[in-house]
Amino acid sequence: MEERLIKRRAPGAGVKAADGATQVERRNVMIDPVGVRVLEKIGGGNLSLGVREAARRLWESGDTAKFTKNRHEARK
């Protein structure tokens, strides 16, 4: 007997983004639990939307300088 392979869409495939974003790419990131909570809060429970909105806010505020250890340590 032949096995039939059933094609399935990836999770979220074909679903339009709430913010209207169309040119999006799937990425794999490492994020801590606090970051997840903050970004999901910004995105109303949607992590991807929270990431895009946080990036827009940073861009609009002009705070897009690259990571430096000195700036990071100054936060503490």
N, C-alpha and C. Protein backbone atom coordinates (compact mmCIF):
# COMPACT_ATOMS: atom_id res chain seq x y z
N MET A 1 0.83 -1.17 0.00
CA MET A 1 0.00 0.00 0.00
C MET A 1 0.89 1.25 0.00
N GLU A 2 0.48 2.26 -0.76
CA GLU A 2 1.23 3.51 -0.88
C GLU A 2 0.83 4.50 0.19
N GLU A 3 1.84 5.16 0.75
CA GLU A 3 1.54 6.23 1.72
C GLU A 3 1.34 7.52 0.97
N ARG A 4 0.32 8.27 1.33
CA ARG A 4 0.08 9.57 0.71
C ARG A 4 0.64 10.65 1.61
N LEU A 5 1.40 11.55 1.02
CA LEU A 5 1.92 12.68 1.77
C LEU A 5 0.93 13.83 1.66
N ILE A 6 0.56 14.36 2.77
CA ILE A 6 -0.36 15.48 2.79
C ILE A 6 0.45 16.75 2.98
N LYS A 7 0.35 17.66 2.02
CA LYS A 7 1.07 18.92 2.13
C LYS A 7 0.32 19.84 3.08
N ARG A 8 1.06 20.47 3.95
CA ARG A 8 0.46 21.39 4.91
C ARG A 8 1.23 22.70 4.89
N ARG A 9 0.52 23.77 5.14
CA ARG A 9 1.15 25.08 5.21
C ARG A 9 1.90 25.23 6.53
N ALA A 10 2.91 26.07 6.48
CA ALA A 10 3.63 26.39 7.72
C ALA A 10 2.70 27.19 8.62
N PRO A 11 2.90 27.12 9.93
CA PRO A 11 2.06 27.90 10.83
C PRO A 11 2.09 29.38 10.45
N GLY A 12 0.92 29.97 10.31
CA GLY A 12 0.84 31.39 9.97
C GLY A 12 0.91 31.68 8.49
N ALA A 13 1.16 30.67 7.67
CA ALA A 13 1.29 30.88 6.23
C ALA A 13 -0.04 31.34 5.64
N GLY A 14 -0.01 32.38 4.88
CA GLY A 14 -1.20 32.89 4.23
C GLY A 14 -2.01 33.85 5.09
N VAL A 15 -1.57 34.05 6.33
CA VAL A 15 -2.27 34.96 7.22
C VAL A 15 -1.64 36.34 7.09
N LYS A 16 -2.47 37.36 6.84
CA LYS A 16 -1.94 38.71 6.70
C LYS A 16 -1.56 39.27 8.06
N ALA A 17 -0.46 40.02 8.08
CA ALA A 17 0.01 40.64 9.32
C ALA A 17 -0.94 41.77 9.73
N ALA A 18 -1.17 41.89 11.03
CA ALA A 18 -2.08 42.91 11.56
C ALA A 18 -1.64 44.32 11.21
N ASP A 19 -0.33 44.53 11.03
CA ASP A 19 0.18 45.86 10.72
C ASP A 19 0.33 46.08 9.22
N GLY A 20 -0.09 45.12 8.42
CA GLY A 20 -0.03 45.27 6.97
C GLY A 20 1.32 44.96 6.36
N ALA A 21 2.28 44.49 7.15
CA ALA A 21 3.61 44.17 6.64
C ALA A 21 3.49 43.06 5.59
N THR A 22 4.12 43.27 4.44
CA THR A 22 4.04 42.28 3.37
C THR A 22 5.39 41.67 3.02
N GLN A 23 6.44 42.41 3.16
CA GLN A 23 7.77 41.89 2.82
C GLN A 23 8.46 41.41 4.09
N VAL A 24 8.03 40.27 4.58
CA VAL A 24 8.57 39.72 5.82
C VAL A 24 9.33 38.44 5.51
N GLU A 25 10.29 38.12 6.37
CA GLU A 25 11.08 36.90 6.23
C GLU A 25 11.05 36.14 7.55
N ARG A 26 11.02 34.85 7.46
CA ARG A 26 11.08 34.02 8.66
C ARG A 26 12.53 34.03 9.14
N ARG A 27 12.73 34.31 10.43
CA ARG A 27 14.07 34.34 11.03
C ARG A 27 14.05 33.55 12.33
N ASN A 28 15.19 33.05 12.70
CA ASN A 28 15.34 32.31 13.94
C ASN A 28 16.17 33.18 14.88
N VAL A 29 15.64 33.53 16.05
CA VAL A 29 16.36 34.40 16.98
C VAL A 29 16.41 33.76 18.37
N MET A 30 17.38 34.21 19.15
CA MET A 30 17.51 33.80 20.55
C MET A 30 17.04 34.98 21.38
N ILE A 31 16.09 34.76 22.27
CA ILE A 31 15.54 35.85 23.07
C ILE A 31 15.23 35.36 24.48
N ASP A 32 15.48 36.23 25.44
CA ASP A 32 15.24 35.87 26.83
C ASP A 32 13.75 36.02 27.18
N PRO A 33 13.31 35.40 28.28
CA PRO A 33 11.89 35.44 28.65
C PRO A 33 11.34 36.86 28.85
N VAL A 34 12.14 37.76 29.41
CA VAL A 34 11.68 39.14 29.60
C VAL A 34 11.45 39.81 28.24
N GLY A 35 12.36 39.59 27.31
CA GLY A 35 12.20 40.15 25.97
C GLY A 35 10.94 39.65 25.30
N VAL A 36 10.65 38.36 25.46
CA VAL A 36 9.43 37.79 24.88
C VAL A 36 8.20 38.47 25.47
N ARG A 37 8.18 38.61 26.81
CA ARG A 37 7.02 39.24 27.46
C ARG A 37 6.82 40.68 26.98
N VAL A 38 7.91 41.44 26.89
CA VAL A 38 7.82 42.84 26.47
C VAL A 38 7.32 42.93 25.04
N LEU A 39 7.91 42.15 24.14
CA LEU A 39 7.54 42.22 22.72
C LEU A 39 6.13 41.70 22.48
N GLU A 40 5.72 40.66 23.21
CA GLU A 40 4.34 40.19 23.08
C GLU A 40 3.36 41.24 23.61
N LYS A 41 3.74 41.96 24.65
CA LYS A 41 2.87 43.02 25.17
C LYS A 41 2.72 44.12 24.13
N ILE A 42 3.82 44.52 23.52
CA ILE A 42 3.77 45.55 22.47
C ILE A 42 2.91 45.08 21.31
N GLY A 43 3.02 43.79 20.96
CA GLY A 43 2.29 43.24 19.83
C GLY A 43 0.92 42.70 20.17
N GLY A 44 0.42 42.98 21.36
CA GLY A 44 -0.91 42.49 21.74
C GLY A 44 -1.00 40.98 21.74
N GLY A 45 0.07 40.32 22.18
CA GLY A 45 0.10 38.86 22.22
C GLY A 45 0.79 38.23 21.03
N ASN A 46 1.15 39.03 20.03
CA ASN A 46 1.79 38.53 18.82
C ASN A 46 3.26 38.96 18.84
N LEU A 47 4.16 38.00 19.00
CA LEU A 47 5.59 38.29 19.11
C LEU A 47 6.13 38.98 17.85
N SER A 48 5.79 38.47 16.69
CA SER A 48 6.30 39.05 15.44
C SER A 48 5.86 40.49 15.27
N LEU A 49 4.60 40.76 15.55
CA LEU A 49 4.09 42.12 15.46
C LEU A 49 4.81 43.02 16.47
N GLY A 50 5.05 42.51 17.67
CA GLY A 50 5.77 43.27 18.69
C GLY A 50 7.18 43.62 18.26
N VAL A 51 7.86 42.68 17.61
CA VAL A 51 9.23 42.93 17.13
C VAL A 51 9.20 44.03 16.07
N ARG A 52 8.28 43.93 15.12
CA ARG A 52 8.21 44.95 14.06
C ARG A 52 7.86 46.32 14.62
N GLU A 53 6.92 46.37 15.57
CA GLU A 53 6.52 47.64 16.16
C GLU A 53 7.65 48.24 16.99
N ALA A 54 8.36 47.42 17.76
CA ALA A 54 9.49 47.91 18.55
C ALA A 54 10.58 48.46 17.62
N ALA A 55 10.83 47.78 16.51
CA ALA A 55 11.82 48.27 15.55
C ALA A 55 11.39 49.61 14.96
N ARG A 56 10.10 49.75 14.63
CA ARG A 56 9.60 51.03 14.11
C ARG A 56 9.79 52.15 15.12
N ARG A 57 9.48 51.85 16.39
CA ARG A 57 9.62 52.86 17.44
C ARG A 57 11.07 53.28 17.61
N LEU A 58 11.99 52.33 17.57
CA LEU A 58 13.41 52.66 17.67
C LEU A 58 13.86 53.50 16.48
N TRP A 59 13.40 53.13 15.30
CA TRP A 59 13.76 53.88 14.08
C TRP A 59 13.24 55.32 14.18
N GLU A 60 11.99 55.47 14.58
CA GLU A 60 11.39 56.80 14.69
C GLU A 60 12.07 57.66 15.75
N SER A 61 12.54 57.04 16.82
CA SER A 61 13.20 57.80 17.89
C SER A 61 14.66 58.10 17.55
N GLY A 62 15.19 57.46 16.51
CA GLY A 62 16.58 57.67 16.11
C GLY A 62 17.57 56.85 16.91
N ASP A 63 17.10 55.94 17.74
CA ASP A 63 17.97 55.13 18.58
C ASP A 63 18.31 53.82 17.87
N THR A 64 19.15 53.91 16.85
CA THR A 64 19.51 52.71 16.08
C THR A 64 21.02 52.47 16.06
N ALA A 65 21.73 53.06 17.03
CA ALA A 65 23.18 52.83 17.10
C ALA A 65 23.45 51.36 17.41
N LYS A 66 24.55 50.85 16.88
CA LYS A 66 24.86 49.44 17.10
C LYS A 66 25.17 49.16 18.56
N PHE A 67 25.06 47.91 18.93
CA PHE A 67 25.32 47.46 20.29
C PHE A 67 26.76 47.74 20.66
N THR A 68 26.97 48.28 21.87
CA THR A 68 28.31 48.41 22.43
C THR A 68 28.27 47.89 23.86
N LYS A 69 29.35 47.28 24.27
CA LYS A 69 29.42 46.74 25.63
C LYS A 69 29.33 47.87 26.66
N ASN A 70 29.96 49.02 26.38
CA ASN A 70 29.92 50.14 27.31
C ASN A 70 28.49 50.62 27.54
N ARG A 71 27.74 50.81 26.47
CA ARG A 71 26.35 51.27 26.62
C ARG A 71 25.53 50.23 27.38
N HIS A 72 25.75 48.97 27.04
CA HIS A 72 25.03 47.89 27.71
C HIS A 72 25.30 47.89 29.21
N GLU A 73 26.57 48.01 29.58
CA GLU A 73 26.94 47.98 30.99
C GLU A 73 26.48 49.24 31.73
N ALA A 74 26.35 50.36 31.02
CA ALA A 74 25.90 51.61 31.64
C ALA A 74 24.43 51.53 32.07
N ARG A 75 23.68 50.59 31.51
CA ARG A 75 22.26 50.42 31.87
C ARG A 75 22.11 49.88 33.28
N LYS A 76 23.08 49.14 33.74
CA LYS A 76 22.95 48.41 35.02
C LYS A 76 23.02 49.32 36.22
